[in-house]
Amino acid sequence: MTVGNLQNTSLFSNPRWILGAAFFAAFGALPWLGLGPNFTRLMFTTFVWITASVAWNLLGGFAGQVSFGFAVFYGLGAYTAAMCINQGVNAYMAFLIAGAVAAAASLAIGLPTFRLRGPYFAIATIGVSEAVRVIATNLQMTGGASGYRVAEHGPFRPLEHFYTAFVLAAAAVGISAWIRNSKFGLSLQAIHEDEEAAADIGVNPLTAKLIVHFAAAGLTGMAGGVFARYAAFIHPQGVFAFNTSVAILLMPLIGGIGTVAGPVVGAFVYGLVQEELIAAFPQFHLLLYGCLLIIIILFEPRGVMGWIGQLYAALRGLRRKSATASLR
């Protein structure tokens, strides 16, 4: 699909966005239905993953820049929020500061790495991620390998954490939908399809990639901050781990990269299945994720949304055949 074929439609006139809003509203009402604390915790984790998944898709799905380094922003956000909260900063202000720090880091990382393309860019992001993890492991201010504890005053309120993650996930999806249907989104699509051709028609690829990287890193940093406050304990081998980067990348691939709904679907699948897989296969869950990724790439690169599209097309075909048969 070329840029000229993309349509900048209004979000409010599209029934898909109304359906999406109703979907989120339904999940937001679940805690009031008497569901247990374990379900609330599971949904909190899923909403955090949704934010990170949607953020990665802004860069990897819309602009086509496959990054394996989003654990950097997640970890920076987690540690920044944790340190701010321990210094008495309001938690929600701490989340904004965490997003700002992660976004600022995206510029320092993006300026040199975006001059690389394809696998070279992906390899560079892996190197940056591992370098930051090693540094964080050896810094005294982060607690080193022993980790860092968040000492927030006041009682633990699961519903507050739930709705904090819920609102952030909803905001991330809204930002994604807005970018997807904006002129800036068309520029990202042009870069995805052919960076040199995009430059020929007036798009500045480096600037566009830096801007979307900035937004994606900010959202991921806030997601890390929300998680750190809830967990009350973080360590570099967790929030900065390469596994975290892979998980953030895997979710949009499962759901369907380059779409608004795909990262959300992928995060729900990953968030709801992850704990069961880890509990049942503690040594092999990453192998299972790898096999799942291979199956998706081989049989449906568009992920779950691609399968849904195929099913919808098949149902429409059957309905048309039925209507044609009835007219005869």
C-alpha atoms as a PDB file:
ATOM      1  CA  MET A   1       0.000   0.000   0.000  1.00  0.00           C
ATOM      2  CA  THR A   2       1.431   3.358  -0.986  1.00  0.00           C
ATOM      3  CA  VAL A   3       1.199   6.612   0.923  1.00  0.00           C
ATOM      4  CA  GLY A   4      -1.169   8.007  -1.664  1.00  0.00           C
ATOM      5  CA  ASN A   5      -3.670   5.276  -0.859  1.00  0.00           C
ATOM      6  CA  LEU A   6      -3.720   6.014   2.858  1.00  0.00           C
ATOM      7  CA  GLN A   7      -6.737   7.948   4.058  1.00  0.00           C
ATOM      8  CA  ASN A   8      -6.678  10.392   6.947  1.00  0.00           C
ATOM      9  CA  THR A   9     -10.062   9.529   8.418  1.00  0.00           C
ATOM     10  CA  SER A  10     -11.612  10.951  11.545  1.00  0.00           C
ATOM     11  CA  LEU A  11     -11.280   8.763  14.602  1.00  0.00           C
ATOM     12  CA  PHE A  12     -14.719   9.691  15.838  1.00  0.00           C
ATOM     13  CA  SER A  13     -16.463   8.700  12.577  1.00  0.00           C
ATOM     14  CA  ASN A  14     -14.857   5.271  12.484  1.00  0.00           C
ATOM     15  CA  PRO A  15     -16.843   2.547  14.283  1.00  0.00           C
ATOM     16  CA  ARG A  16     -13.642   0.611  14.983  1.00  0.00           C
ATOM     17  CA  TRP A  17     -12.448   3.311  17.381  1.00  0.00           C
ATOM     18  CA  ILE A  18     -15.848   3.403  19.078  1.00  0.00           C
ATOM     19  CA  LEU A  19     -15.619  -0.367  19.500  1.00  0.00           C
ATOM     20  CA  GLY A  20     -12.090  -0.008  20.857  1.00  0.00           C
ATOM     21  CA  ALA A  21     -13.190   2.620  23.375  1.00  0.00           C
ATOM     22  CA  ALA A  22     -16.023   0.365  24.524  1.00  0.00           C
ATOM     23  CA  PHE A  23     -13.549  -2.518  24.845  1.00  0.00           C
ATOM     24  CA  PHE A  24     -11.264  -0.494  27.102  1.00  0.00           C
ATOM     25  CA  ALA A  25     -14.192   0.830  29.125  1.00  0.00           C
ATOM     26  CA  ALA A  26     -15.392  -2.725  29.726  1.00  0.00           C
ATOM     27  CA  PHE A  27     -11.988  -3.774  31.063  1.00  0.00           C
ATOM     28  CA  GLY A  28     -11.849  -0.651  33.200  1.00  0.00           C
ATOM     29  CA  ALA A  29     -15.082  -1.694  34.889  1.00  0.00           C
ATOM     30  CA  LEU A  30     -13.939  -5.252  35.678  1.00  0.00           C
ATOM     31  CA  PRO A  31     -12.554  -4.582  39.205  1.00  0.00           C
ATOM     32  CA  TRP A  32     -16.009  -3.444  40.310  1.00  0.00           C
ATOM     33  CA  LEU A  33     -17.500  -6.807  39.376  1.00  0.00           C
ATOM     34  CA  GLY A  34     -15.936  -8.458  42.415  1.00  0.00           C
ATOM     35  CA  LEU A  35     -13.000 -10.054  40.625  1.00  0.00           C
ATOM     36  CA  GLY A  36     -10.160 -11.175  42.875  1.00  0.00           C
ATOM     37  CA  PRO A  37      -6.849  -9.428  43.594  1.00  0.00           C
ATOM     38  CA  ASN A  38      -4.931 -11.891  41.424  1.00  0.00           C
ATOM     39  CA  PHE A  39      -6.971 -10.902  38.391  1.00  0.00           C
ATOM     40  CA  THR A  40      -6.462  -7.215  39.212  1.00  0.00           C
ATOM     41  CA  ARG A  41      -2.705  -7.792  39.394  1.00  0.00           C
ATOM     42  CA  LEU A  42      -2.731  -9.711  36.113  1.00  0.00           C
ATOM     43  CA  MET A  43      -4.654  -6.955  34.354  1.00  0.00           C
ATOM     44  CA  PHE A  44      -2.329  -4.307  35.800  1.00  0.00           C
ATOM     45  CA  THR A  45       0.651  -6.135  34.286  1.00  0.00           C
ATOM     46  CA  THR A  46      -1.181  -6.476  30.979  1.00  0.00           C
ATOM     47  CA  PHE A  47      -1.911  -2.735  30.816  1.00  0.00           C
ATOM     48  CA  VAL A  48       1.758  -1.962  31.485  1.00  0.00           C
ATOM     49  CA  TRP A  49       2.680  -4.292  28.634  1.00  0.00           C
ATOM     50  CA  ILE A  50       0.089  -2.649  26.378  1.00  0.00           C
ATOM     51  CA  THR A  51       1.751   0.732  26.876  1.00  0.00           C
ATOM     52  CA  ALA A  52       5.212  -0.638  26.092  1.00  0.00           C
ATOM     53  CA  SER A  53       3.922  -2.670  23.130  1.00  0.00           C
ATOM     54  CA  VAL A  54       2.076   0.279  21.600  1.00  0.00           C
ATOM     55  CA  ALA A  55       5.141   2.486  22.142  1.00  0.00           C
ATOM     56  CA  TRP A  56       7.440   0.046  20.319  1.00  0.00           C
ATOM     57  CA  ASN A  57       4.950  -0.151  17.453  1.00  0.00           C
ATOM     58  CA  LEU A  58       5.209   3.603  16.916  1.00  0.00           C
ATOM     59  CA  LEU A  59       8.832   3.116  15.933  1.00  0.00           C
ATOM     60  CA  GLY A  60       8.997  -0.484  14.739  1.00  0.00           C
ATOM     61  CA  GLY A  61       5.545  -0.783  13.188  1.00  0.00           C
ATOM     62  CA  PHE A  62       4.836   2.667  11.761  1.00  0.00           C
ATOM     63  CA  ALA A  63       8.392   3.709  10.869  1.00  0.00           C
ATOM     64  CA  GLY A  64       9.841   0.235  10.284  1.00  0.00           C
ATOM     65  CA  GLN A  65      12.816   0.699  12.650  1.00  0.00           C
ATOM     66  CA  VAL A  66      13.223  -2.628  14.468  1.00  0.00           C
ATOM     67  CA  SER A  67      14.750  -1.881  17.872  1.00  0.00           C
ATOM     68  CA  PHE A  68      15.899  -4.444  20.434  1.00  0.00           C
ATOM     69  CA  GLY A  69      16.719  -1.759  22.974  1.00  0.00           C
ATOM     70  CA  PHE A  70      13.447  -0.624  24.528  1.00  0.00           C
ATOM     71  CA  ALA A  71      14.457  -2.159  27.858  1.00  0.00           C
ATOM     72  CA  VAL A  72      16.744   0.878  28.173  1.00  0.00           C
ATOM     73  CA  PHE A  73      13.756   3.233  28.318  1.00  0.00           C
ATOM     74  CA  TYR A  74      11.701   0.867  30.465  1.00  0.00           C
ATOM     75  CA  GLY A  75      14.551   0.528  32.957  1.00  0.00           C
ATOM     76  CA  LEU A  76      15.419   4.232  32.982  1.00  0.00           C
ATOM     77  CA  GLY A  77      11.766   5.045  33.628  1.00  0.00           C
ATOM     78  CA  ALA A  78      11.566   2.469  36.414  1.00  0.00           C
ATOM     79  CA  TYR A  79      14.679   3.715  38.224  1.00  0.00           C
ATOM     80  CA  THR A  80      13.861   7.402  37.703  1.00  0.00           C
ATOM     81  CA  ALA A  81      10.356   7.010  39.127  1.00  0.00           C
ATOM     82  CA  ALA A  82      11.642   4.880  42.004  1.00  0.00           C
ATOM     83  CA  MET A  83      14.279   7.438  42.973  1.00  0.00           C
ATOM     84  CA  CYS A  84      11.831  10.331  42.703  1.00  0.00           C
ATOM     85  CA  ILE A  85       9.252   8.568  44.863  1.00  0.00           C
ATOM     86  CA  ASN A  86      11.919   7.794  47.472  1.00  0.00           C
ATOM     87  CA  GLN A  87      12.768  11.512  47.534  1.00  0.00           C
ATOM     88  CA  GLY A  88       9.150  12.386  48.318  1.00  0.00           C
ATOM     89  CA  VAL A  89       8.055  13.398  44.820  1.00  0.00           C
ATOM     90  CA  ASN A  90       4.388  12.783  44.034  1.00  0.00           C
ATOM     91  CA  ALA A  91       4.074   9.441  42.228  1.00  0.00           C
ATOM     92  CA  TYR A  92       2.295  10.873  39.183  1.00  0.00           C
ATOM     93  CA  MET A  93       4.860  13.631  38.826  1.00  0.00           C
ATOM     94  CA  ALA A  94       7.516  10.921  39.143  1.00  0.00           C
ATOM     95  CA  PHE A  95       5.951   9.099  36.179  1.00  0.00           C
ATOM     96  CA  LEU A  96       6.158  12.267  34.059  1.00  0.00           C
ATOM     97  CA  ILE A  97       9.790  12.777  35.059  1.00  0.00           C
ATOM     98  CA  ALA A  98      10.486   9.129  34.221  1.00  0.00           C
ATOM     99  CA  GLY A  99       8.982   9.616  30.762  1.00  0.00           C
ATOM    100  CA  ALA A 100      11.001  12.798  30.247  1.00  0.00           C
ATOM    101  CA  VAL A 101      14.280  11.092  31.208  1.00  0.00           C
ATOM    102  CA  ALA A 102      13.581   8.150  28.889  1.00  0.00           C
ATOM    103  CA  ALA A 103      12.605  10.514  26.060  1.00  0.00           C
ATOM    104  CA  ALA A 104      15.800  12.523  26.525  1.00  0.00           C
ATOM    105  CA  ALA A 105      17.808   9.289  26.424  1.00  0.00           C
ATOM    106  CA  SER A 106      16.107   8.414  23.135  1.00  0.00           C
ATOM    107  CA  LEU A 107      17.700  11.447  21.502  1.00  0.00           C
ATOM    108  CA  ALA A 108      21.166  10.490  22.732  1.00  0.00           C
ATOM    109  CA  ILE A 109      20.652   6.944  21.418  1.00  0.00           C
ATOM    110  CA  GLY A 110      18.789   7.849  18.236  1.00  0.00           C
ATOM    111  CA  LEU A 111      21.149  10.495  16.865  1.00  0.00           C
ATOM    112  CA  PRO A 112      23.980   8.023  16.188  1.00  0.00           C
ATOM    113  CA  THR A 113      22.010   4.801  15.659  1.00  0.00           C
ATOM    114  CA  PHE A 114      19.448   6.165  13.187  1.00  0.00           C
ATOM    115  CA  ARG A 115      22.271   6.763  10.739  1.00  0.00           C
ATOM    116  CA  LEU A 116      22.399   2.965  10.473  1.00  0.00           C
ATOM    117  CA  ARG A 117      19.836   0.910   8.590  1.00  0.00           C
ATOM    118  CA  GLY A 118      18.343  -2.551   8.708  1.00  0.00           C
ATOM    119  CA  PRO A 119      20.198  -5.171  10.750  1.00  0.00           C
ATOM    120  CA  TYR A 120      22.962  -2.701  11.643  1.00  0.00           C
ATOM    121  CA  PHE A 121      20.456  -0.519  13.497  1.00  0.00           C
ATOM    122  CA  ALA A 122      18.996  -3.555  15.298  1.00  0.00           C
ATOM    123  CA  ILE A 123      22.462  -4.756  16.348  1.00  0.00           C
ATOM    124  CA  ALA A 124      23.370  -1.276  17.576  1.00  0.00           C
ATOM    125  CA  THR A 125      20.284  -1.144  19.804  1.00  0.00           C
ATOM    126  CA  ILE A 126      21.227  -4.504  21.327  1.00  0.00           C
ATOM    127  CA  GLY A 127      24.689  -3.152  22.103  1.00  0.00           C
ATOM    128  CA  VAL A 128      23.305  -0.004  23.719  1.00  0.00           C
ATOM    129  CA  SER A 129      20.840  -2.019  25.794  1.00  0.00           C
ATOM    130  CA  GLU A 130      23.489  -4.382  27.105  1.00  0.00           C
ATOM    131  CA  ALA A 131      25.895  -1.522  27.835  1.00  0.00           C
ATOM    132  CA  VAL A 132      23.265   0.322  29.890  1.00  0.00           C
ATOM    133  CA  ARG A 133      22.389  -2.876  31.775  1.00  0.00           C
ATOM    134  CA  VAL A 134      26.042  -3.465  32.701  1.00  0.00           C
ATOM    135  CA  ILE A 135      26.456   0.152  33.821  1.00  0.00           C
ATOM    136  CA  ALA A 136      23.286   0.016  35.940  1.00  0.00           C
ATOM    137  CA  THR A 137      24.462  -3.232  37.533  1.00  0.00           C
ATOM    138  CA  ASN A 138      27.658  -1.542  38.702  1.00  0.00           C
ATOM    139  CA  LEU A 139      26.257   1.805  39.858  1.00  0.00           C
ATOM    140  CA  GLN A 140      25.856   2.393  43.572  1.00  0.00           C
ATOM    141  CA  MET A 141      22.939   4.782  43.119  1.00  0.00           C
ATOM    142  CA  THR A 142      20.870   2.034  41.451  1.00  0.00           C
ATOM    143  CA  GLY A 143      21.653  -0.475  44.184  1.00  0.00           C
ATOM    144  CA  GLY A 144      23.841  -2.410  41.770  1.00  0.00           C
ATOM    145  CA  ALA A 145      23.095  -6.069  41.293  1.00  0.00           C
ATOM    146  CA  SER A 146      21.278  -6.106  44.658  1.00  0.00           C
ATOM    147  CA  GLY A 147      18.468  -3.983  43.258  1.00  0.00           C
ATOM    148  CA  TYR A 148      16.613  -0.892  44.449  1.00  0.00           C
ATOM    149  CA  ARG A 149      13.669  -0.733  46.826  1.00  0.00           C
ATOM    150  CA  VAL A 150      10.840   1.784  46.511  1.00  0.00           C
ATOM    151  CA  ALA A 151       9.724   3.086  49.902  1.00  0.00           C
ATOM    152  CA  GLU A 152       6.457   4.900  49.240  1.00  0.00           C
ATOM    153  CA  HIS A 153       4.566   6.189  52.262  1.00  0.00           C
ATOM    154  CA  GLY A 154       0.930   5.234  52.643  1.00  0.00           C
ATOM    155  CA  PRO A 155      -1.101   2.062  52.170  1.00  0.00           C
ATOM    156  CA  PHE A 156      -0.892  -0.134  49.109  1.00  0.00           C
ATOM    157  CA  ARG A 157      -3.965   0.466  46.904  1.00  0.00           C
ATOM    158  CA  PRO A 158      -4.288  -2.162  44.162  1.00  0.00           C
ATOM    159  CA  LEU A 159      -7.136  -0.327  42.419  1.00  0.00           C
ATOM    160  CA  GLU A 160      -5.109   2.870  42.209  1.00  0.00           C
ATOM    161  CA  HIS A 161      -2.271   0.987  40.546  1.00  0.00           C
ATOM    162  CA  PHE A 162      -4.740  -0.765  38.249  1.00  0.00           C
ATOM    163  CA  TYR A 163      -6.339   2.465  37.033  1.00  0.00           C
ATOM    164  CA  THR A 164      -2.988   4.226  36.710  1.00  0.00           C
ATOM    165  CA  ALA A 165      -1.820   1.520  34.305  1.00  0.00           C
ATOM    166  CA  PHE A 166      -5.236   1.485  32.617  1.00  0.00           C
ATOM    167  CA  VAL A 167      -5.270   5.234  31.923  1.00  0.00           C
ATOM    168  CA  LEU A 168      -1.676   5.172  30.658  1.00  0.00           C
ATOM    169  CA  ALA A 169      -2.472   2.266  28.301  1.00  0.00           C
ATOM    170  CA  ALA A 170      -5.580   4.049  27.006  1.00  0.00           C
ATOM    171  CA  ALA A 171      -3.555   7.238  26.452  1.00  0.00           C
ATOM    172  CA  ALA A 172      -0.879   5.269  24.580  1.00  0.00           C
ATOM    173  CA  VAL A 173      -3.481   3.724  22.273  1.00  0.00           C
ATOM    174  CA  GLY A 174      -5.038   7.159  21.705  1.00  0.00           C
ATOM    175  CA  ILE A 175      -1.648   8.629  20.779  1.00  0.00           C
ATOM    176  CA  SER A 176      -0.993   5.694  18.461  1.00  0.00           C
ATOM    177  CA  ALA A 177      -4.353   6.148  16.712  1.00  0.00           C
ATOM    178  CA  TRP A 178      -3.775   9.882  16.358  1.00  0.00           C
ATOM    179  CA  ILE A 179      -0.300   9.418  14.869  1.00  0.00           C
ATOM    180  CA  ARG A 180      -1.532   6.656  12.540  1.00  0.00           C
ATOM    181  CA  ASN A 181      -4.180   8.984  11.090  1.00  0.00           C
ATOM    182  CA  SER A 182      -2.080  12.157  10.946  1.00  0.00           C
ATOM    183  CA  LYS A 183       0.204  13.650   8.306  1.00  0.00           C
ATOM    184  CA  PHE A 184       3.122  12.705  10.521  1.00  0.00           C
ATOM    185  CA  GLY A 185       1.878   9.134  10.403  1.00  0.00           C
ATOM    186  CA  LEU A 186       1.927   9.295   6.605  1.00  0.00           C
ATOM    187  CA  SER A 187       5.549  10.421   6.797  1.00  0.00           C
ATOM    188  CA  LEU A 188       6.393   7.439   8.979  1.00  0.00           C
ATOM    189  CA  GLN A 189       4.639   5.100   6.546  1.00  0.00           C
ATOM    190  CA  ALA A 190       6.661   6.607   3.704  1.00  0.00           C
ATOM    191  CA  ILE A 191       9.895   6.017   5.637  1.00  0.00           C
ATOM    192  CA  HIS A 192       8.796   2.446   6.326  1.00  0.00           C
ATOM    193  CA  GLU A 193       8.182   1.729   2.656  1.00  0.00           C
ATOM    194  CA  ASP A 194      11.182   3.519   1.142  1.00  0.00           C
ATOM    195  CA  GLU A 195      13.331   5.931   3.130  1.00  0.00           C
ATOM    196  CA  GLU A 196      15.084   7.380   0.078  1.00  0.00           C
ATOM    197  CA  ALA A 197      11.800   7.934  -1.753  1.00  0.00           C
ATOM    198  CA  ALA A 198      10.364   9.588   1.370  1.00  0.00           C
ATOM    199  CA  ALA A 199      13.314  11.991   1.432  1.00  0.00           C
ATOM    200  CA  ASP A 200      12.706  12.791  -2.250  1.00  0.00           C
ATOM    201  CA  ILE A 201       9.134  13.909  -1.525  1.00  0.00           C
ATOM    202  CA  GLY A 202      10.167  16.238   1.303  1.00  0.00           C
ATOM    203  CA  VAL A 203      10.195  14.008   4.397  1.00  0.00           C
ATOM    204  CA  ASN A 204      13.197  14.349   6.699  1.00  0.00           C
ATOM    205  CA  PRO A 205      13.746  10.718   7.777  1.00  0.00           C
ATOM    206  CA  LEU A 206      16.145  11.448  10.635  1.00  0.00           C
ATOM    207  CA  THR A 207      13.919  14.103  12.188  1.00  0.00           C
ATOM    208  CA  ALA A 208      10.785  11.989  11.838  1.00  0.00           C
ATOM    209  CA  LYS A 209      12.475   8.952  13.383  1.00  0.00           C
ATOM    210  CA  LEU A 210      13.848  11.028  16.255  1.00  0.00           C
ATOM    211  CA  ILE A 211      10.402  12.468  16.989  1.00  0.00           C
ATOM    212  CA  VAL A 212       8.604   9.119  17.014  1.00  0.00           C
ATOM    213  CA  HIS A 213      11.473   7.555  18.983  1.00  0.00           C
ATOM    214  CA  PHE A 214      11.114  10.386  21.512  1.00  0.00           C
ATOM    215  CA  ALA A 215       7.379   9.712  21.933  1.00  0.00           C
ATOM    216  CA  ALA A 216       7.837   5.934  22.105  1.00  0.00           C
ATOM    217  CA  ALA A 217      10.608   6.199  24.695  1.00  0.00           C
ATOM    218  CA  GLY A 218       8.544   8.572  26.838  1.00  0.00           C
ATOM    219  CA  LEU A 219       5.600   6.177  26.943  1.00  0.00           C
ATOM    220  CA  THR A 220       7.876   3.211  27.673  1.00  0.00           C
ATOM    221  CA  GLY A 221       9.604   5.137  30.463  1.00  0.00           C
ATOM    222  CA  MET A 222       6.279   5.951  32.090  1.00  0.00           C
ATOM    223  CA  ALA A 223       5.275   2.288  31.817  1.00  0.00           C
ATOM    224  CA  GLY A 224       8.492   1.350  33.615  1.00  0.00           C
ATOM    225  CA  GLY A 225       7.772   3.928  36.314  1.00  0.00           C
ATOM    226  CA  VAL A 226       4.248   2.621  36.875  1.00  0.00           C
ATOM    227  CA  PHE A 227       5.624  -0.901  37.191  1.00  0.00           C
ATOM    228  CA  ALA A 228       8.375   0.151  39.618  1.00  0.00           C
ATOM    229  CA  ARG A 229       5.901   1.812  41.962  1.00  0.00           C
ATOM    230  CA  TYR A 230       3.715  -1.290  41.981  1.00  0.00           C
ATOM    231  CA  ALA A 231       6.551  -3.796  42.354  1.00  0.00           C
ATOM    232  CA  ALA A 232       8.298  -1.708  45.059  1.00  0.00           C
ATOM    233  CA  PHE A 233      11.556  -3.432  44.102  1.00  0.00           C
ATOM    234  CA  ILE A 234      13.501  -3.391  40.851  1.00  0.00           C
ATOM    235  CA  HIS A 235      16.900  -4.635  39.710  1.00  0.00           C
ATOM    236  CA  PRO A 236      18.954  -4.207  36.508  1.00  0.00           C
ATOM    237  CA  GLN A 237      18.687  -7.873  35.521  1.00  0.00           C
ATOM    238  CA  GLY A 238      14.923  -7.406  35.393  1.00  0.00           C
ATOM    239  CA  VAL A 239      13.978  -4.001  33.986  1.00  0.00           C
ATOM    240  CA  PHE A 240      17.120  -3.650  31.806  1.00  0.00           C
ATOM    241  CA  ALA A 241      17.233  -7.308  30.748  1.00  0.00           C
ATOM    242  CA  PHE A 242      17.439  -8.276  27.087  1.00  0.00           C
ATOM    243  CA  ASN A 243      14.412 -10.505  27.747  1.00  0.00           C
ATOM    244  CA  THR A 244      12.424  -7.349  28.491  1.00  0.00           C
ATOM    245  CA  SER A 245      13.371  -5.863  25.115  1.00  0.00           C
ATOM    246  CA  VAL A 246      12.414  -9.105  23.374  1.00  0.00           C
ATOM    247  CA  ALA A 247       9.062  -9.195  25.166  1.00  0.00           C
ATOM    248  CA  ILE A 248       8.294  -5.599  24.158  1.00  0.00           C
ATOM    249  CA  LEU A 249       9.148  -6.446  20.546  1.00  0.00           C
ATOM    250  CA  LEU A 250       7.318  -9.775  20.560  1.00  0.00           C
ATOM    251  CA  MET A 251       3.923  -8.407  21.585  1.00  0.00           C
ATOM    252  CA  PRO A 252       3.319  -6.237  18.498  1.00  0.00           C
ATOM    253  CA  LEU A 253       4.521  -9.102  16.300  1.00  0.00           C
ATOM    254  CA  ILE A 254       1.990 -11.428  17.910  1.00  0.00           C
ATOM    255  CA  GLY A 255      -0.850  -8.957  17.467  1.00  0.00           C
ATOM    256  CA  GLY A 256       0.165  -7.345  14.186  1.00  0.00           C
ATOM    257  CA  ILE A 257       2.783  -4.645  13.676  1.00  0.00           C
ATOM    258  CA  GLY A 258       1.895  -1.415  11.933  1.00  0.00           C
ATOM    259  CA  THR A 259      -1.682  -1.443  13.236  1.00  0.00           C
ATOM    260  CA  VAL A 260      -3.277   0.320  16.188  1.00  0.00           C
ATOM    261  CA  ALA A 261      -5.096  -2.707  17.603  1.00  0.00           C
ATOM    262  CA  GLY A 262      -2.346  -5.287  16.970  1.00  0.00           C
ATOM    263  CA  PRO A 263      -0.023  -4.298  19.841  1.00  0.00           C
ATOM    264  CA  VAL A 264      -2.984  -4.258  22.215  1.00  0.00           C
ATOM    265  CA  VAL A 265      -4.073  -7.748  21.189  1.00  0.00           C
ATOM    266  CA  GLY A 266      -0.490  -9.005  21.375  1.00  0.00           C
ATOM    267  CA  ALA A 267      -0.032  -7.542  24.861  1.00  0.00           C
ATOM    268  CA  PHE A 268      -3.221  -9.217  26.072  1.00  0.00           C
ATOM    269  CA  VAL A 269      -2.076 -12.547  24.681  1.00  0.00           C
ATOM    270  CA  TYR A 270       1.398 -12.171  26.164  1.00  0.00           C
ATOM    271  CA  GLY A 271       0.242 -10.751  29.498  1.00  0.00           C
ATOM    272  CA  LEU A 272      -2.391 -13.426  30.111  1.00  0.00           C
ATOM    273  CA  VAL A 273      -0.298 -16.365  28.895  1.00  0.00           C
ATOM    274  CA  GLN A 274       3.132 -15.360  30.215  1.00  0.00           C
ATOM    275  CA  GLU A 275       2.696 -16.425  33.833  1.00  0.00           C
ATOM    276  CA  GLU A 276       1.133 -19.747  32.911  1.00  0.00           C
ATOM    277  CA  LEU A 277       4.011 -20.541  30.569  1.00  0.00           C
ATOM    278  CA  ILE A 278       6.645 -19.534  33.119  1.00  0.00           C
ATOM    279  CA  ALA A 279       4.967 -21.616  35.816  1.00  0.00           C
ATOM    280  CA  ALA A 280       4.578 -24.660  33.585  1.00  0.00           C
ATOM    281  CA  PHE A 281       7.866 -24.369  31.662  1.00  0.00           C
ATOM    282  CA  PRO A 282      10.311 -22.307  33.757  1.00  0.00           C
ATOM    283  CA  GLN A 283      13.297 -23.383  31.663  1.00  0.00           C
ATOM    284  CA  PHE A 284      11.675 -23.418  28.248  1.00  0.00           C
ATOM    285  CA  HIS A 285       9.213 -20.524  28.107  1.00  0.00           C
ATOM    286  CA  LEU A 286      11.602 -18.391  26.012  1.00  0.00           C
ATOM    287  CA  LEU A 287      11.988 -21.300  23.591  1.00  0.00           C
ATOM    288  CA  LEU A 288       8.203 -21.448  23.291  1.00  0.00           C
ATOM    289  CA  TYR A 289       8.068 -17.711  22.577  1.00  0.00           C
ATOM    290  CA  GLY A 290      10.709 -18.193  19.889  1.00  0.00           C
ATOM    291  CA  CYS A 291       8.713 -21.004  18.289  1.00  0.00           C
ATOM    292  CA  LEU A 292       5.577 -18.853  18.415  1.00  0.00           C
ATOM    293  CA  LEU A 293       7.428 -16.019  16.713  1.00  0.00           C
ATOM    294  CA  ILE A 294       8.681 -18.339  13.950  1.00  0.00           C
ATOM    295  CA  ILE A 295       5.167 -19.700  13.363  1.00  0.00           C
ATOM    296  CA  ILE A 296       3.704 -16.198  13.119  1.00  0.00           C
ATOM    297  CA  ILE A 297       6.369 -15.005  10.685  1.00  0.00           C
ATOM    298  CA  LEU A 298       6.020 -18.110   8.490  1.00  0.00           C
ATOM    299  CA  PHE A 299       2.235 -18.385   8.348  1.00  0.00           C
ATOM    300  CA  GLU A 300       0.881 -14.901   9.057  1.00  0.00           C
ATOM    301  CA  PRO A 301       3.393 -12.034   9.328  1.00  0.00           C
ATOM    302  CA  ARG A 302       0.513  -9.683  10.158  1.00  0.00           C
ATOM    303  CA  GLY A 303      -0.112 -11.545  13.411  1.00  0.00           C
ATOM    304  CA  VAL A 304      -3.480 -12.048  15.071  1.00  0.00           C
ATOM    305  CA  MET A 305      -4.932  -9.046  13.250  1.00  0.00           C
ATOM    306  CA  GLY A 306      -3.967 -10.695   9.963  1.00  0.00           C
ATOM    307  CA  TRP A 307      -5.832 -13.851  10.955  1.00  0.00           C
ATOM    308  CA  ILE A 308      -8.844 -11.774  11.976  1.00  0.00           C
ATOM    309  CA  GLY A 309      -8.692  -9.972   8.616  1.00  0.00           C
ATOM    310  CA  GLN A 310      -8.614 -13.272   6.758  1.00  0.00           C
ATOM    311  CA  LEU A 311     -11.570 -14.564   8.765  1.00  0.00           C
ATOM    312  CA  TYR A 312     -13.518 -11.374   8.132  1.00  0.00           C
ATOM    313  CA  ALA A 313     -12.785 -11.559   4.401  1.00  0.00           C
ATOM    314  CA  ALA A 314     -13.876 -15.210   4.328  1.00  0.00           C
ATOM    315  CA  LEU A 315     -17.149 -14.391   6.115  1.00  0.00           C
ATOM    316  CA  ARG A 316     -17.828 -11.526   3.718  1.00  0.00           C
ATOM    317  CA  GLY A 317     -17.189 -13.853   0.794  1.00  0.00           C
ATOM    318  CA  LEU A 318     -19.639 -16.393   2.186  1.00  0.00           C
ATOM    319  CA  ARG A 319     -22.249 -13.699   2.751  1.00  0.00           C
ATOM    320  CA  ARG A 320     -21.874 -12.423  -0.809  1.00  0.00           C
ATOM    321  CA  LYS A 321     -22.207 -15.953  -2.190  1.00  0.00           C
ATOM    322  CA  SER A 322     -25.310 -16.467  -0.066  1.00  0.00           C
ATOM    323  CA  ALA A 323     -26.814 -13.181  -1.275  1.00  0.00           C
ATOM    324  CA  THR A 324     -26.036 -14.029  -4.895  1.00  0.00           C
ATOM    325  CA  ALA A 325     -27.575 -17.484  -4.547  1.00  0.00           C
ATOM    326  CA  SER A 326     -30.759 -16.035  -3.040  1.00  0.00           C
ATOM    327  CA  LEU A 327     -31.194 -13.669  -6.008  1.00  0.00           C
ATOM    328  CA  ARG A 328     -31.148 -16.517  -8.512  1.00  0.00           C
END
